Amino acid sequence: MILGHNYIGGQRSACGSVKLQSVDASTGEALPHDFYQATPEEVDAAAKAAAAAYPAYRSLSAERRAQFLDAIADELDALGDEFV
């Protein structure tokens, strides 16, 4: 289910009041999903969460980082055409 929330530090966030309509990039046709525009505070929180997570990620071997990125790709692929 697509909620249109931001995902910051492992938590969903939708503090903003501005919603953006999703659009099919190939046709310009409006799609049925809205997404919350991040507030400045959410952007700041996301940057801080990324900075806090980086030392642990940096300490991983190149092989483990590749496995992590492959797992992300697999999860995105599993979402199917609706996500794309």
N, C-alpha and C. Protein backbone atom coordinates (compact mmCIF):
# COMPACT_ATOMS: atom_id res chain seq x y z
N MET A 1 0.85 -1.17 0.00
CA MET A 1 0.00 0.00 0.00
C MET A 1 0.90 1.25 0.00
N ILE A 2 0.67 2.13 -0.90
CA ILE A 2 1.44 3.37 -1.01
C ILE A 2 0.73 4.46 -0.20
N LEU A 3 1.42 4.97 0.82
CA LEU A 3 0.84 5.99 1.70
C LEU A 3 1.29 7.40 1.36
N GLY A 4 2.43 7.51 0.66
CA GLY A 4 2.93 8.83 0.31
C GLY A 4 3.68 9.52 1.43
N HIS A 5 4.08 8.75 2.44
CA HIS A 5 4.83 9.32 3.56
C HIS A 5 6.32 9.35 3.26
N ASN A 6 7.03 10.18 3.98
CA ASN A 6 8.49 10.17 3.98
C ASN A 6 8.92 9.09 4.96
N TYR A 7 10.12 8.59 4.80
CA TYR A 7 10.65 7.56 5.69
C TYR A 7 11.97 8.10 6.23
N ILE A 8 11.98 8.43 7.53
CA ILE A 8 13.13 9.10 8.12
C ILE A 8 13.58 8.33 9.36
N GLY A 9 14.81 7.87 9.33
CA GLY A 9 15.36 7.18 10.48
C GLY A 9 14.55 5.97 10.91
N GLY A 10 13.99 5.26 9.95
CA GLY A 10 13.22 4.07 10.25
C GLY A 10 11.77 4.32 10.63
N GLN A 11 11.33 5.55 10.53
CA GLN A 11 9.95 5.90 10.89
C GLN A 11 9.26 6.64 9.75
N ARG A 12 7.97 6.41 9.63
CA ARG A 12 7.18 7.16 8.65
C ARG A 12 6.95 8.58 9.18
N SER A 13 6.90 9.53 8.26
CA SER A 13 6.67 10.92 8.63
C SER A 13 5.87 11.60 7.52
N ALA A 14 4.88 12.35 7.93
CA ALA A 14 4.06 13.11 6.98
C ALA A 14 3.59 14.39 7.67
N CYS A 15 4.56 15.21 8.06
CA CYS A 15 4.25 16.42 8.82
C CYS A 15 3.76 17.57 7.94
N GLY A 16 4.13 17.56 6.69
CA GLY A 16 3.78 18.66 5.80
C GLY A 16 2.32 18.64 5.39
N SER A 17 1.85 19.78 4.97
CA SER A 17 0.48 19.89 4.50
C SER A 17 0.39 19.90 2.98
N VAL A 18 1.54 20.03 2.31
CA VAL A 18 1.57 20.06 0.85
C VAL A 18 1.65 18.63 0.32
N LYS A 19 0.72 18.28 -0.57
CA LYS A 19 0.74 16.97 -1.20
C LYS A 19 1.06 17.15 -2.68
N LEU A 20 1.88 16.24 -3.18
CA LEU A 20 2.27 16.26 -4.58
C LEU A 20 1.64 15.08 -5.29
N GLN A 21 1.06 15.32 -6.46
CA GLN A 21 0.42 14.28 -7.25
C GLN A 21 1.48 13.50 -8.02
N SER A 22 1.41 12.18 -7.96
CA SER A 22 2.34 11.38 -8.77
C SER A 22 1.90 11.43 -10.23
N VAL A 23 2.89 11.32 -11.11
CA VAL A 23 2.65 11.45 -12.54
C VAL A 23 3.43 10.37 -13.28
N ASP A 24 2.81 9.79 -14.29
CA ASP A 24 3.51 8.84 -15.16
C ASP A 24 4.50 9.64 -16.00
N ALA A 25 5.79 9.37 -15.80
CA ALA A 25 6.83 10.15 -16.48
C ALA A 25 6.81 9.98 -17.98
N SER A 26 6.30 8.85 -18.46
CA SER A 26 6.31 8.62 -19.90
C SER A 26 5.14 9.26 -20.63
N THR A 27 4.05 9.55 -19.89
CA THR A 27 2.86 10.12 -20.55
C THR A 27 2.41 11.45 -19.96
N GLY A 28 2.86 11.76 -18.75
CA GLY A 28 2.39 12.96 -18.08
C GLY A 28 1.05 12.77 -17.41
N GLU A 29 0.48 11.57 -17.50
CA GLU A 29 -0.83 11.27 -16.91
C GLU A 29 -0.73 11.22 -15.39
N ALA A 30 -1.71 11.83 -14.71
CA ALA A 30 -1.75 11.80 -13.25
C ALA A 30 -2.02 10.37 -12.79
N LEU A 31 -1.32 9.96 -11.74
CA LEU A 31 -1.50 8.64 -11.14
C LEU A 31 -2.27 8.78 -9.83
N PRO A 32 -2.78 7.69 -9.29
CA PRO A 32 -3.68 7.78 -8.13
C PRO A 32 -3.01 8.01 -6.78
N HIS A 33 -1.72 8.31 -6.74
CA HIS A 33 -1.04 8.44 -5.45
C HIS A 33 -0.56 9.86 -5.22
N ASP A 34 -0.78 10.35 -4.01
CA ASP A 34 -0.25 11.63 -3.57
C ASP A 34 0.91 11.37 -2.62
N PHE A 35 1.86 12.29 -2.57
CA PHE A 35 3.00 12.19 -1.68
C PHE A 35 3.14 13.48 -0.90
N TYR A 36 3.44 13.34 0.39
CA TYR A 36 3.63 14.51 1.23
C TYR A 36 4.99 15.14 0.95
N GLN A 37 4.99 16.43 0.70
CA GLN A 37 6.25 17.15 0.54
C GLN A 37 6.89 17.27 1.92
N ALA A 38 8.17 16.93 2.01
CA ALA A 38 8.87 17.03 3.29
C ALA A 38 8.99 18.48 3.73
N THR A 39 8.83 18.68 5.01
CA THR A 39 9.03 20.01 5.59
C THR A 39 10.54 20.24 5.78
N PRO A 40 10.95 21.48 5.99
CA PRO A 40 12.37 21.73 6.29
C PRO A 40 12.85 20.91 7.51
N GLU A 41 11.99 20.75 8.49
CA GLU A 41 12.35 19.98 9.68
C GLU A 41 12.55 18.50 9.34
N GLU A 42 11.71 17.97 8.44
CA GLU A 42 11.87 16.57 8.03
C GLU A 42 13.16 16.39 7.22
N VAL A 43 13.47 17.34 6.37
CA VAL A 43 14.72 17.26 5.60
C VAL A 43 15.90 17.28 6.55
N ASP A 44 15.87 18.14 7.55
CA ASP A 44 16.94 18.21 8.54
C ASP A 44 17.04 16.90 9.32
N ALA A 45 15.91 16.35 9.73
CA ALA A 45 15.90 15.08 10.46
C ALA A 45 16.46 13.95 9.60
N ALA A 46 16.14 13.94 8.31
CA ALA A 46 16.64 12.91 7.41
C ALA A 46 18.16 13.03 7.25
N ALA A 47 18.66 14.26 7.13
CA ALA A 47 20.10 14.46 7.00
C ALA A 47 20.82 14.01 8.27
N LYS A 48 20.25 14.32 9.43
CA LYS A 48 20.85 13.91 10.70
C LYS A 48 20.82 12.39 10.85
N ALA A 49 19.73 11.76 10.46
CA ALA A 49 19.64 10.30 10.55
C ALA A 49 20.65 9.64 9.62
N ALA A 50 20.82 10.18 8.43
CA ALA A 50 21.81 9.64 7.50
C ALA A 50 23.22 9.78 8.05
N ALA A 51 23.52 10.93 8.64
CA ALA A 51 24.84 11.15 9.22
C ALA A 51 25.10 10.20 10.38
N ALA A 52 24.07 9.93 11.18
CA ALA A 52 24.21 9.01 12.31
C ALA A 52 24.40 7.57 11.84
N ALA A 53 23.78 7.20 10.72
CA ALA A 53 23.87 5.83 10.21
C ALA A 53 25.16 5.58 9.44
N TYR A 54 25.78 6.62 8.94
CA TYR A 54 26.93 6.44 8.07
C TYR A 54 28.11 5.69 8.71
N PRO A 55 28.50 5.97 9.94
CA PRO A 55 29.65 5.25 10.50
C PRO A 55 29.47 3.72 10.48
N ALA A 56 28.29 3.25 10.80
CA ALA A 56 28.04 1.79 10.78
C ALA A 56 28.12 1.26 9.35
N TYR A 57 27.53 1.99 8.40
CA TYR A 57 27.58 1.56 7.00
C TYR A 57 29.01 1.57 6.49
N ARG A 58 29.76 2.61 6.84
CA ARG A 58 31.13 2.75 6.37
C ARG A 58 32.02 1.61 6.86
N SER A 59 31.70 1.07 8.02
CA SER A 59 32.53 0.01 8.59
C SER A 59 32.27 -1.36 7.93
N LEU A 60 31.23 -1.45 7.11
CA LEU A 60 30.94 -2.71 6.42
C LEU A 60 31.95 -2.95 5.31
N SER A 61 32.21 -4.21 5.05
CA SER A 61 33.08 -4.56 3.92
C SER A 61 32.37 -4.21 2.62
N ALA A 62 33.14 -4.11 1.56
CA ALA A 62 32.56 -3.83 0.25
C ALA A 62 31.57 -4.92 -0.14
N GLU A 63 31.88 -6.17 0.19
CA GLU A 63 30.97 -7.27 -0.12
C GLU A 63 29.65 -7.13 0.63
N ARG A 64 29.72 -6.76 1.90
CA ARG A 64 28.49 -6.60 2.70
C ARG A 64 27.67 -5.41 2.20
N ARG A 65 28.33 -4.33 1.80
CA ARG A 65 27.61 -3.18 1.23
C ARG A 65 26.89 -3.58 -0.05
N ALA A 66 27.57 -4.37 -0.88
CA ALA A 66 26.96 -4.85 -2.13
C ALA A 66 25.73 -5.70 -1.82
N GLN A 67 25.83 -6.57 -0.82
CA GLN A 67 24.69 -7.40 -0.43
C GLN A 67 23.53 -6.52 0.05
N PHE A 68 23.85 -5.50 0.81
CA PHE A 68 22.83 -4.57 1.30
C PHE A 68 22.12 -3.88 0.14
N LEU A 69 22.89 -3.37 -0.81
CA LEU A 69 22.31 -2.68 -1.97
C LEU A 69 21.51 -3.65 -2.84
N ASP A 70 21.98 -4.88 -2.98
CA ASP A 70 21.22 -5.89 -3.73
C ASP A 70 19.89 -6.19 -3.04
N ALA A 71 19.90 -6.24 -1.72
CA ALA A 71 18.66 -6.49 -0.97
C ALA A 71 17.66 -5.36 -1.19
N ILE A 72 18.15 -4.13 -1.22
CA ILE A 72 17.28 -2.98 -1.50
C ILE A 72 16.68 -3.12 -2.91
N ALA A 73 17.52 -3.46 -3.87
CA ALA A 73 17.04 -3.62 -5.25
C ALA A 73 16.00 -4.72 -5.33
N ASP A 74 16.21 -5.82 -4.63
CA ASP A 74 15.23 -6.91 -4.63
C ASP A 74 13.89 -6.46 -4.06
N GLU A 75 13.94 -5.68 -2.98
CA GLU A 75 12.69 -5.19 -2.38
C GLU A 75 11.96 -4.24 -3.33
N LEU A 76 12.70 -3.38 -4.01
CA LEU A 76 12.07 -2.48 -4.99
C LEU A 76 11.46 -3.26 -6.14
N ASP A 77 12.19 -4.26 -6.64
CA ASP A 77 11.66 -5.10 -7.71
C ASP A 77 10.39 -5.82 -7.28
N ALA A 78 10.34 -6.24 -6.02
CA ALA A 78 9.18 -6.98 -5.52
C ALA A 78 7.93 -6.11 -5.47
N LEU A 79 8.10 -4.80 -5.45
CA LEU A 79 6.93 -3.91 -5.43
C LEU A 79 6.18 -3.92 -6.76
N GLY A 80 6.85 -4.32 -7.81
CA GLY A 80 6.20 -4.51 -9.10
C GLY A 80 5.91 -3.23 -9.86
N ASP A 81 5.08 -3.38 -10.86
CA ASP A 81 4.78 -2.29 -11.78
C ASP A 81 4.06 -1.13 -11.13
N GLU A 82 3.25 -1.40 -10.10
CA GLU A 82 2.52 -0.30 -9.46
C GLU A 82 3.50 0.72 -8.89
N PHE A 83 4.60 0.24 -8.31
CA PHE A 83 5.59 1.14 -7.75
C PHE A 83 6.31 1.89 -8.85
N VAL A 84 6.70 1.17 -9.89
CA VAL A 84 7.44 1.78 -10.98
C VAL A 84 6.55 2.79 -11.68
